[in-house]
Amino acid sequence: LKTAYENAASYRDERAEGSARILGINMEGPYFSREKKGAQAEEHLMLPDYDMFERLYQASGGLLKIVCIAPELPGALELIEKVKDRCTVSIAHTAADYDTAKRAIAAGATQVTHLYNAMPPFLHRAPGVVGAAAESVQVLAELICDGVHVHESVIRATFAMFSSRRIILVSDSLSCLGMPEGEYESGGQKIVMRNGAAMLADGVTFAGSTTDLFQCMRRAVSFGIRPEDAVRAATANPARALGADDKVGSIALGKFADFVVCDKDFNIKQCYIGGKPVVR
């Protein structure tokens, strides 16, 4: 987090020149359930700690925009209430049931991290986090649309259930994105990338995605999502979740001129950052 903040600080004075920029940091961990830790190393998991959050928030210079929490953990609801006005609280890596998720939402959680993954399934007698989020109109839901983490039928059903205004497409991509298949490392753990999926050494647990956000958007369209809905979910909605929709997320007067020019099949023709073309 400290390194990310230092990098972000170095970008701030160069925004007008169109340099890369960090608009927010997502604190995904360590306040997670051991049962649903996913690729998080168990020895790093902690109970919700407001003092720790405050130290990290100050170190980030206010760039910490999202904090992820398993709401069933002791102290989670209290932490949500304390930080909800300074950053987005996202329910994540959790074994919470429906009632617990509803309490977290009532306390101030307004987002769910990679819906369906690392949480109980959506069942007709046990709707869990998915059901609680779906019926709470203020809650946005992240969706990994790589065709591996979530089945395309569920992706279509989720857009119908939440509407395109409440879906945030995320890549959840790893540092091995774009690399050949093989063995890599993430967070101190060995991962194996094969057939478009990245798994821990156990061969069962997803370590993350090997697909970038633009390809996730294209795959959503290929799964039957309307192009305008897929684009909104990959641009305007995440900007709103970060509180950065006054700067990015759409093409409008006064915002950073960051955009991609595509043909009708969403093949990239040109990219612009800060109004300047990026050489491809």
C-alpha atoms as a PDB file:
ATOM      1  CA  LEU A   1       0.000   0.000   0.000  1.00  0.00           C
ATOM      2  CA  LYS A   2       2.839   2.403   0.849  1.00  0.00           C
ATOM      3  CA  THR A   3       4.496   1.722  -2.492  1.00  0.00           C
ATOM      4  CA  ALA A   4       1.220   2.215  -4.346  1.00  0.00           C
ATOM      5  CA  TYR A   5       0.720   5.543  -2.581  1.00  0.00           C
ATOM      6  CA  GLU A   6       4.228   6.720  -3.457  1.00  0.00           C
ATOM      7  CA  ASN A   7       3.680   5.776  -7.087  1.00  0.00           C
ATOM      8  CA  ALA A   8       0.332   7.559  -7.085  1.00  0.00           C
ATOM      9  CA  ALA A   9       1.862  10.694  -5.627  1.00  0.00           C
ATOM     10  CA  SER A  10       4.436  10.767  -8.410  1.00  0.00           C
ATOM     11  CA  TYR A  11       1.648  10.659 -11.012  1.00  0.00           C
ATOM     12  CA  ARG A  12      -0.460  13.476  -9.617  1.00  0.00           C
ATOM     13  CA  ASP A  13       1.559  16.343 -11.063  1.00  0.00           C
ATOM     14  CA  GLU A  14       1.664  14.693 -14.491  1.00  0.00           C
ATOM     15  CA  ARG A  15      -2.058  14.149 -15.029  1.00  0.00           C
ATOM     16  CA  ALA A  16      -2.328  17.001 -17.493  1.00  0.00           C
ATOM     17  CA  GLU A  17       0.329  15.320 -19.623  1.00  0.00           C
ATOM     18  CA  GLY A  18      -1.706  12.109 -19.731  1.00  0.00           C
ATOM     19  CA  SER A  19       0.594   9.907 -17.648  1.00  0.00           C
ATOM     20  CA  ALA A  20      -0.645   6.791 -15.896  1.00  0.00           C
ATOM     21  CA  ARG A  21      -2.555   7.468 -12.708  1.00  0.00           C
ATOM     22  CA  ILE A  22      -3.954   5.735  -9.647  1.00  0.00           C
ATOM     23  CA  LEU A  23      -7.447   6.873  -8.728  1.00  0.00           C
ATOM     24  CA  GLY A  24      -7.943   4.478  -5.849  1.00  0.00           C
ATOM     25  CA  ILE A  25      -6.652   1.449  -3.986  1.00  0.00           C
ATOM     26  CA  ASN A  26      -8.736  -1.633  -3.220  1.00  0.00           C
ATOM     27  CA  MET A  27      -7.880  -3.219   0.128  1.00  0.00           C
ATOM     28  CA  GLU A  28      -8.782  -6.823  -0.680  1.00  0.00           C
ATOM     29  CA  GLY A  29      -7.783  -8.480   2.571  1.00  0.00           C
ATOM     30  CA  PRO A  30      -6.875  -9.344   5.265  1.00  0.00           C
ATOM     31  CA  TYR A  31     -10.362  -9.274   6.880  1.00  0.00           C
ATOM     32  CA  PHE A  32     -11.515 -12.557   5.305  1.00  0.00           C
ATOM     33  CA  SER A  33     -13.123 -15.806   6.368  1.00  0.00           C
ATOM     34  CA  ARG A  34     -10.726 -18.735   6.568  1.00  0.00           C
ATOM     35  CA  GLU A  35     -13.415 -20.908   5.035  1.00  0.00           C
ATOM     36  CA  LYS A  36     -13.618 -18.708   1.925  1.00  0.00           C
ATOM     37  CA  LYS A  37     -10.089 -17.321   1.792  1.00  0.00           C
ATOM     38  CA  GLY A  38      -9.598 -18.373  -1.841  1.00  0.00           C
ATOM     39  CA  ALA A  39      -6.026 -17.672  -2.892  1.00  0.00           C
ATOM     40  CA  GLN A  40      -5.298 -15.548   0.173  1.00  0.00           C
ATOM     41  CA  ALA A  41      -2.563 -17.013   2.386  1.00  0.00           C
ATOM     42  CA  GLU A  42      -4.236 -18.074   5.630  1.00  0.00           C
ATOM     43  CA  GLU A  43      -1.363 -16.879   7.824  1.00  0.00           C
ATOM     44  CA  HIS A  44      -2.033 -13.304   6.695  1.00  0.00           C
ATOM     45  CA  LEU A  45      -5.740 -13.244   7.569  1.00  0.00           C
ATOM     46  CA  MET A  46      -6.824 -10.976  10.423  1.00  0.00           C
ATOM     47  CA  LEU A  47      -9.951  -9.908  12.237  1.00  0.00           C
ATOM     48  CA  PRO A  48     -11.319  -6.461  11.349  1.00  0.00           C
ATOM     49  CA  ASP A  49      -9.163  -3.823  13.027  1.00  0.00           C
ATOM     50  CA  TYR A  50     -10.125  -0.154  12.828  1.00  0.00           C
ATOM     51  CA  ASP A  51      -6.763   1.124  14.051  1.00  0.00           C
ATOM     52  CA  MET A  52      -5.003  -0.845  11.315  1.00  0.00           C
ATOM     53  CA  PHE A  53      -7.424   0.471   8.715  1.00  0.00           C
ATOM     54  CA  GLU A  54      -6.830   4.035   9.907  1.00  0.00           C
ATOM     55  CA  ARG A  55      -3.048   3.664   9.619  1.00  0.00           C
ATOM     56  CA  LEU A  56      -3.348   2.332   6.067  1.00  0.00           C
ATOM     57  CA  TYR A  57      -5.895   4.960   5.093  1.00  0.00           C
ATOM     58  CA  GLN A  58      -3.616   7.751   6.280  1.00  0.00           C
ATOM     59  CA  ALA A  59      -0.586   6.145   4.593  1.00  0.00           C
ATOM     60  CA  SER A  60      -2.511   6.085   1.318  1.00  0.00           C
ATOM     61  CA  GLY A  61      -3.268   9.781   1.499  1.00  0.00           C
ATOM     62  CA  GLY A  62      -6.968   8.988   1.148  1.00  0.00           C
ATOM     63  CA  LEU A  63      -6.437   6.835  -1.945  1.00  0.00           C
ATOM     64  CA  LEU A  64      -7.837   3.781  -0.166  1.00  0.00           C
ATOM     65  CA  LYS A  65     -11.252   3.754  -1.838  1.00  0.00           C
ATOM     66  CA  ILE A  66     -12.531   0.196  -1.234  1.00  0.00           C
ATOM     67  CA  VAL A  67     -12.137  -2.049   1.803  1.00  0.00           C
ATOM     68  CA  CYS A  68     -13.249  -5.680   1.593  1.00  0.00           C
ATOM     69  CA  ILE A  69     -14.683  -7.430   4.646  1.00  0.00           C
ATOM     70  CA  ALA A  70     -16.257 -10.772   5.550  1.00  0.00           C
ATOM     71  CA  PRO A  71     -19.168  -9.445   7.629  1.00  0.00           C
ATOM     72  CA  GLU A  72     -19.514 -12.522   9.843  1.00  0.00           C
ATOM     73  CA  LEU A  73     -16.148 -11.851  11.515  1.00  0.00           C
ATOM     74  CA  PRO A  74     -16.103 -10.343  15.020  1.00  0.00           C
ATOM     75  CA  GLY A  75     -15.952  -6.559  14.784  1.00  0.00           C
ATOM     76  CA  ALA A  76     -16.884  -6.440  11.099  1.00  0.00           C
ATOM     77  CA  LEU A  77     -20.167  -4.577  11.459  1.00  0.00           C
ATOM     78  CA  GLU A  78     -18.578  -2.012  13.743  1.00  0.00           C
ATOM     79  CA  LEU A  79     -15.773  -1.415  11.246  1.00  0.00           C
ATOM     80  CA  ILE A  80     -18.264  -1.027   8.401  1.00  0.00           C
ATOM     81  CA  GLU A  81     -20.166   1.647  10.314  1.00  0.00           C
ATOM     82  CA  LYS A  82     -16.956   3.550  11.089  1.00  0.00           C
ATOM     83  CA  VAL A  83     -15.468   3.624   7.584  1.00  0.00           C
ATOM     84  CA  LYS A  84     -18.536   3.706   5.305  1.00  0.00           C
ATOM     85  CA  ASP A  85     -18.412   7.482   4.840  1.00  0.00           C
ATOM     86  CA  ARG A  86     -14.768   7.494   3.748  1.00  0.00           C
ATOM     87  CA  CYS A  87     -14.613   4.539   1.388  1.00  0.00           C
ATOM     88  CA  THR A  88     -16.753   1.876  -0.232  1.00  0.00           C
ATOM     89  CA  VAL A  89     -17.193  -1.236   1.901  1.00  0.00           C
ATOM     90  CA  SER A  90     -17.409  -4.442  -0.125  1.00  0.00           C
ATOM     91  CA  ILE A  91     -18.556  -7.835   1.158  1.00  0.00           C
ATOM     92  CA  ALA A  92     -15.885 -10.356   0.177  1.00  0.00           C
ATOM     93  CA  HIS A  93     -14.357 -13.792   0.817  1.00  0.00           C
ATOM     94  CA  THR A  94     -17.167 -14.611   3.184  1.00  0.00           C
ATOM     95  CA  ALA A  95     -19.210 -17.476   4.566  1.00  0.00           C
ATOM     96  CA  ALA A  96     -21.989 -15.080   5.597  1.00  0.00           C
ATOM     97  CA  ASP A  97     -25.601 -16.134   5.333  1.00  0.00           C
ATOM     98  CA  TYR A  98     -28.449 -13.937   4.061  1.00  0.00           C
ATOM     99  CA  ASP A  99     -29.244 -12.340   7.435  1.00  0.00           C
ATOM    100  CA  THR A 100     -25.619 -11.482   8.141  1.00  0.00           C
ATOM    101  CA  ALA A 101     -25.191  -9.973   4.698  1.00  0.00           C
ATOM    102  CA  LYS A 102     -28.325  -7.869   5.206  1.00  0.00           C
ATOM    103  CA  ARG A 103     -26.933  -6.576   8.497  1.00  0.00           C
ATOM    104  CA  ALA A 104     -23.704  -5.625   6.754  1.00  0.00           C
ATOM    105  CA  ILE A 105     -25.650  -3.754   4.080  1.00  0.00           C
ATOM    106  CA  ALA A 106     -27.706  -1.985   6.737  1.00  0.00           C
ATOM    107  CA  ALA A 107     -24.433  -1.004   8.434  1.00  0.00           C
ATOM    108  CA  GLY A 108     -23.163   0.591   5.229  1.00  0.00           C
ATOM    109  CA  ALA A 109     -21.722  -2.027   2.854  1.00  0.00           C
ATOM    110  CA  THR A 110     -22.593  -1.028  -0.726  1.00  0.00           C
ATOM    111  CA  GLN A 111     -20.649  -3.488  -2.861  1.00  0.00           C
ATOM    112  CA  VAL A 112     -19.928  -7.197  -3.263  1.00  0.00           C
ATOM    113  CA  THR A 113     -16.524  -8.398  -4.425  1.00  0.00           C
ATOM    114  CA  HIS A 114     -16.560 -10.836  -7.376  1.00  0.00           C
ATOM    115  CA  LEU A 115     -20.118 -12.071  -6.935  1.00  0.00           C
ATOM    116  CA  TYR A 116     -20.548 -15.881  -6.582  1.00  0.00           C
ATOM    117  CA  ASN A 117     -16.842 -16.497  -6.025  1.00  0.00           C
ATOM    118  CA  ALA A 118     -15.528 -17.051  -2.482  1.00  0.00           C
ATOM    119  CA  MET A 119     -19.016 -16.968  -0.936  1.00  0.00           C
ATOM    120  CA  PRO A 120     -21.919 -19.392  -0.364  1.00  0.00           C
ATOM    121  CA  PRO A 121     -23.983 -20.224  -3.467  1.00  0.00           C
ATOM    122  CA  PHE A 122     -27.374 -18.648  -4.220  1.00  0.00           C
ATOM    123  CA  LEU A 123     -29.874 -21.329  -3.156  1.00  0.00           C
ATOM    124  CA  HIS A 124     -33.655 -21.167  -3.082  1.00  0.00           C
ATOM    125  CA  ARG A 125     -33.813 -21.670   0.704  1.00  0.00           C
ATOM    126  CA  ALA A 126     -30.488 -20.021   1.491  1.00  0.00           C
ATOM    127  CA  PRO A 127     -30.044 -16.958  -0.759  1.00  0.00           C
ATOM    128  CA  GLY A 128     -26.897 -15.842   1.068  1.00  0.00           C
ATOM    129  CA  VAL A 129     -24.892 -12.786   0.051  1.00  0.00           C
ATOM    130  CA  VAL A 130     -26.140 -12.961  -3.542  1.00  0.00           C
ATOM    131  CA  GLY A 131     -29.794 -12.714  -2.528  1.00  0.00           C
ATOM    132  CA  ALA A 132     -29.147  -9.987   0.022  1.00  0.00           C
ATOM    133  CA  ALA A 133     -27.241  -7.905  -2.517  1.00  0.00           C
ATOM    134  CA  ALA A 134     -29.710  -8.420  -5.351  1.00  0.00           C
ATOM    135  CA  GLU A 135     -32.637  -6.977  -3.419  1.00  0.00           C
ATOM    136  CA  SER A 136     -30.663  -4.030  -2.010  1.00  0.00           C
ATOM    137  CA  VAL A 137     -30.784  -1.385  -4.726  1.00  0.00           C
ATOM    138  CA  GLN A 138     -27.830   0.584  -3.320  1.00  0.00           C
ATOM    139  CA  VAL A 139     -25.470  -2.381  -3.656  1.00  0.00           C
ATOM    140  CA  LEU A 140     -23.228  -2.849  -6.714  1.00  0.00           C
ATOM    141  CA  ALA A 141     -21.843  -6.269  -7.582  1.00  0.00           C
ATOM    142  CA  GLU A 142     -18.490  -7.103  -9.132  1.00  0.00           C
ATOM    143  CA  LEU A 143     -18.528  -9.856 -11.745  1.00  0.00           C
ATOM    144  CA  ILE A 144     -15.515 -11.677 -13.182  1.00  0.00           C
ATOM    145  CA  CYS A 145     -16.625 -12.147 -16.763  1.00  0.00           C
ATOM    146  CA  ASP A 146     -13.768 -14.277 -18.092  1.00  0.00           C
ATOM    147  CA  GLY A 147     -15.987 -17.265 -18.871  1.00  0.00           C
ATOM    148  CA  VAL A 148     -14.148 -19.351 -16.284  1.00  0.00           C
ATOM    149  CA  HIS A 149     -15.066 -17.954 -12.880  1.00  0.00           C
ATOM    150  CA  VAL A 150     -18.785 -17.625 -13.686  1.00  0.00           C
ATOM    151  CA  HIS A 151     -20.828 -19.530 -16.288  1.00  0.00           C
ATOM    152  CA  GLU A 152     -22.209 -17.427 -19.128  1.00  0.00           C
ATOM    153  CA  SER A 153     -25.799 -18.376 -18.206  1.00  0.00           C
ATOM    154  CA  VAL A 154     -25.239 -16.995 -14.713  1.00  0.00           C
ATOM    155  CA  ILE A 155     -23.730 -13.834 -16.189  1.00  0.00           C
ATOM    156  CA  ARG A 156     -26.908 -13.262 -18.225  1.00  0.00           C
ATOM    157  CA  ALA A 157     -29.077 -13.991 -15.177  1.00  0.00           C
ATOM    158  CA  THR A 158     -27.035 -11.597 -13.040  1.00  0.00           C
ATOM    159  CA  PHE A 159     -27.425  -8.696 -15.457  1.00  0.00           C
ATOM    160  CA  ALA A 160     -31.182  -9.370 -15.463  1.00  0.00           C
ATOM    161  CA  MET A 161     -31.302  -9.567 -11.650  1.00  0.00           C
ATOM    162  CA  PHE A 162     -29.131  -6.534 -10.835  1.00  0.00           C
ATOM    163  CA  SER A 163     -29.547  -4.443 -14.024  1.00  0.00           C
ATOM    164  CA  SER A 164     -26.618  -3.023 -15.964  1.00  0.00           C
ATOM    165  CA  ARG A 165     -26.403  -0.002 -13.636  1.00  0.00           C
ATOM    166  CA  ARG A 166     -25.374  -2.191 -10.684  1.00  0.00           C
ATOM    167  CA  ILE A 167     -22.845  -4.542 -12.270  1.00  0.00           C
ATOM    168  CA  ILE A 168     -19.094  -3.830 -12.167  1.00  0.00           C
ATOM    169  CA  LEU A 169     -17.057  -5.944 -14.547  1.00  0.00           C
ATOM    170  CA  VAL A 170     -13.673  -6.786 -13.047  1.00  0.00           C
ATOM    171  CA  SER A 171     -10.777  -8.760 -14.458  1.00  0.00           C
ATOM    172  CA  ASP A 172      -9.324 -10.058 -11.172  1.00  0.00           C
ATOM    173  CA  SER A 173      -6.252 -10.600 -13.335  1.00  0.00           C
ATOM    174  CA  LEU A 174      -2.876 -11.715 -12.052  1.00  0.00           C
ATOM    175  CA  SER A 175       0.633 -10.521 -12.885  1.00  0.00           C
ATOM    176  CA  CYS A 176       0.987 -13.521 -15.210  1.00  0.00           C
ATOM    177  CA  LEU A 177      -1.643 -12.053 -17.544  1.00  0.00           C
ATOM    178  CA  GLY A 178      -0.341 -12.218 -21.100  1.00  0.00           C
ATOM    179  CA  MET A 179       2.398 -14.686 -20.212  1.00  0.00           C
ATOM    180  CA  PRO A 180       2.818 -18.270 -21.500  1.00  0.00           C
ATOM    181  CA  GLU A 181       1.244 -21.148 -19.597  1.00  0.00           C
ATOM    182  CA  GLY A 182       3.317 -22.410 -16.707  1.00  0.00           C
ATOM    183  CA  GLU A 183       4.090 -21.872 -13.037  1.00  0.00           C
ATOM    184  CA  TYR A 184       4.117 -18.436 -11.418  1.00  0.00           C
ATOM    185  CA  GLU A 185       3.946 -16.865  -7.983  1.00  0.00           C
ATOM    186  CA  SER A 186       1.319 -14.631  -6.414  1.00  0.00           C
ATOM    187  CA  GLY A 187       1.271 -13.432  -2.830  1.00  0.00           C
ATOM    188  CA  GLY A 188       3.945 -15.951  -1.879  1.00  0.00           C
ATOM    189  CA  GLN A 189       1.991 -18.892  -3.278  1.00  0.00           C
ATOM    190  CA  LYS A 190       2.700 -20.989  -6.358  1.00  0.00           C
ATOM    191  CA  ILE A 191       0.085 -20.756  -9.084  1.00  0.00           C
ATOM    192  CA  VAL A 192      -0.306 -22.785 -12.256  1.00  0.00           C
ATOM    193  CA  MET A 193      -1.687 -21.159 -15.409  1.00  0.00           C
ATOM    194  CA  ARG A 194      -3.176 -23.609 -17.869  1.00  0.00           C
ATOM    195  CA  ASN A 195      -6.052 -23.585 -20.389  1.00  0.00           C
ATOM    196  CA  GLY A 196      -6.994 -20.011 -19.598  1.00  0.00           C
ATOM    197  CA  ALA A 197      -7.219 -20.556 -15.827  1.00  0.00           C
ATOM    198  CA  ALA A 198      -4.814 -19.816 -12.977  1.00  0.00           C
ATOM    199  CA  MET A 199      -5.036 -22.196 -10.028  1.00  0.00           C
ATOM    200  CA  LEU A 200      -3.211 -22.735  -6.772  1.00  0.00           C
ATOM    201  CA  ALA A 201      -1.039 -25.809  -6.513  1.00  0.00           C
ATOM    202  CA  ASP A 202      -4.029 -27.758  -5.162  1.00  0.00           C
ATOM    203  CA  GLY A 203      -5.527 -27.643  -8.666  1.00  0.00           C
ATOM    204  CA  VAL A 204      -8.927 -26.644  -7.232  1.00  0.00           C
ATOM    205  CA  THR A 205      -8.715 -23.048  -5.997  1.00  0.00           C
ATOM    206  CA  PHE A 206      -8.756 -20.196  -8.497  1.00  0.00           C
ATOM    207  CA  ALA A 207      -5.848 -17.828  -7.881  1.00  0.00           C
ATOM    208  CA  GLY A 208      -7.298 -15.119 -10.113  1.00  0.00           C
ATOM    209  CA  SER A 209      -8.005 -14.453 -13.761  1.00  0.00           C
ATOM    210  CA  THR A 210      -5.806 -14.513 -16.861  1.00  0.00           C
ATOM    211  CA  THR A 211      -8.127 -12.184 -18.811  1.00  0.00           C
ATOM    212  CA  ASP A 212      -7.892  -8.389 -19.000  1.00  0.00           C
ATOM    213  CA  LEU A 213     -10.893  -6.130 -18.467  1.00  0.00           C
ATOM    214  CA  PHE A 214     -11.382  -5.306 -22.149  1.00  0.00           C
ATOM    215  CA  GLN A 215     -11.608  -9.017 -22.976  1.00  0.00           C
ATOM    216  CA  CYS A 216     -14.045  -9.508 -20.083  1.00  0.00           C
ATOM    217  CA  MET A 217     -16.230  -6.812 -21.627  1.00  0.00           C
ATOM    218  CA  ARG A 218     -16.019  -8.481 -25.054  1.00  0.00           C
ATOM    219  CA  ARG A 219     -16.896 -11.852 -23.562  1.00  0.00           C
ATOM    220  CA  ALA A 220     -19.915 -10.368 -21.827  1.00  0.00           C
ATOM    221  CA  VAL A 221     -21.124  -9.198 -25.237  1.00  0.00           C
ATOM    222  CA  SER A 222     -20.446 -12.637 -26.721  1.00  0.00           C
ATOM    223  CA  PHE A 223     -22.530 -14.151 -23.904  1.00  0.00           C
ATOM    224  CA  GLY A 224     -25.534 -12.086 -24.967  1.00  0.00           C
ATOM    225  CA  ILE A 225     -25.159  -8.921 -22.878  1.00  0.00           C
ATOM    226  CA  ARG A 226     -26.077  -5.780 -24.821  1.00  0.00           C
ATOM    227  CA  PRO A 227     -22.909  -3.911 -25.837  1.00  0.00           C
ATOM    228  CA  GLU A 228     -24.031  -0.691 -24.173  1.00  0.00           C
ATOM    229  CA  ASP A 229     -24.660  -2.592 -20.910  1.00  0.00           C
ATOM    230  CA  ALA A 230     -21.307  -4.376 -21.000  1.00  0.00           C
ATOM    231  CA  VAL A 231     -19.469  -1.098 -21.686  1.00  0.00           C
ATOM    232  CA  ARG A 232     -21.310   0.665 -18.840  1.00  0.00           C
ATOM    233  CA  ALA A 233     -20.372  -2.161 -16.459  1.00  0.00           C
ATOM    234  CA  ALA A 234     -16.704  -1.858 -17.426  1.00  0.00           C
ATOM    235  CA  THR A 235     -16.476   1.946 -17.309  1.00  0.00           C
ATOM    236  CA  ALA A 236     -19.083   4.180 -15.684  1.00  0.00           C
ATOM    237  CA  ASN A 237     -20.084   1.809 -12.885  1.00  0.00           C
ATOM    238  CA  PRO A 238     -16.576   1.126 -11.528  1.00  0.00           C
ATOM    239  CA  ALA A 239     -15.780   4.837 -11.747  1.00  0.00           C
ATOM    240  CA  ARG A 240     -18.836   5.517  -9.603  1.00  0.00           C
ATOM    241  CA  ALA A 241     -17.799   2.846  -7.091  1.00  0.00           C
ATOM    242  CA  LEU A 242     -14.390   4.509  -6.723  1.00  0.00           C
ATOM    243  CA  GLY A 243     -15.916   7.956  -6.402  1.00  0.00           C
ATOM    244  CA  ALA A 244     -13.950   8.923  -9.511  1.00  0.00           C
ATOM    245  CA  ASP A 245     -16.828   9.415 -11.938  1.00  0.00           C
ATOM    246  CA  ASP A 246     -16.069  13.128 -12.058  1.00  0.00           C
ATOM    247  CA  LYS A 247     -12.736  12.238 -13.721  1.00  0.00           C
ATOM    248  CA  VAL A 248     -13.162   8.970 -15.627  1.00  0.00           C
ATOM    249  CA  GLY A 249     -15.762   6.422 -16.704  1.00  0.00           C
ATOM    250  CA  SER A 250     -17.286   8.369 -19.573  1.00  0.00           C
ATOM    251  CA  ILE A 251     -16.372  10.879 -22.252  1.00  0.00           C
ATOM    252  CA  ALA A 252     -17.430  14.311 -21.037  1.00  0.00           C
ATOM    253  CA  LEU A 253     -16.160  17.863 -20.746  1.00  0.00           C
ATOM    254  CA  GLY A 254     -13.688  18.212 -17.882  1.00  0.00           C
ATOM    255  CA  LYS A 255     -12.863  14.513 -17.539  1.00  0.00           C
ATOM    256  CA  PHE A 256      -9.625  12.787 -18.460  1.00  0.00           C
ATOM    257  CA  ALA A 257      -9.728  11.995 -22.174  1.00  0.00           C
ATOM    258  CA  ASP A 258      -9.091   8.267 -21.677  1.00  0.00           C
ATOM    259  CA  PHE A 259     -10.863   6.170 -24.289  1.00  0.00           C
ATOM    260  CA  VAL A 260     -10.530   3.306 -26.749  1.00  0.00           C
ATOM    261  CA  VAL A 261     -11.513   3.438 -30.410  1.00  0.00           C
ATOM    262  CA  CYS A 262     -12.920   0.124 -31.664  1.00  0.00           C
ATOM    263  CA  ASP A 263     -14.536  -1.272 -34.763  1.00  0.00           C
ATOM    264  CA  LYS A 264     -18.030  -2.781 -34.729  1.00  0.00           C
ATOM    265  CA  ASP A 265     -16.616  -6.112 -33.496  1.00  0.00           C
ATOM    266  CA  PHE A 266     -14.780  -4.434 -30.590  1.00  0.00           C
ATOM    267  CA  ASN A 267     -11.343  -4.866 -32.082  1.00  0.00           C
ATOM    268  CA  ILE A 268      -9.119  -2.111 -30.695  1.00  0.00           C
ATOM    269  CA  LYS A 269      -7.967   0.410 -33.291  1.00  0.00           C
ATOM    270  CA  GLN A 270      -6.486   3.119 -31.071  1.00  0.00           C
ATOM    271  CA  CYS A 271      -6.131   4.002 -27.399  1.00  0.00           C
ATOM    272  CA  TYR A 272      -5.956   7.477 -25.901  1.00  0.00           C
ATOM    273  CA  ILE A 273      -4.715   8.414 -22.429  1.00  0.00           C
ATOM    274  CA  GLY A 274      -5.174  12.009 -21.403  1.00  0.00           C
ATOM    275  CA  GLY A 275      -6.162  12.827 -24.967  1.00  0.00           C
ATOM    276  CA  LYS A 276      -2.903  11.520 -26.405  1.00  0.00           C
ATOM    277  CA  PRO A 277      -2.683   8.403 -28.582  1.00  0.00           C
ATOM    278  CA  VAL A 278      -0.876   5.404 -27.155  1.00  0.00           C
ATOM    279  CA  VAL A 279       1.470   3.800 -29.661  1.00  0.00           C
ATOM    280  CA  ARG A 280       0.473   0.160 -30.263  1.00  0.00           C
END
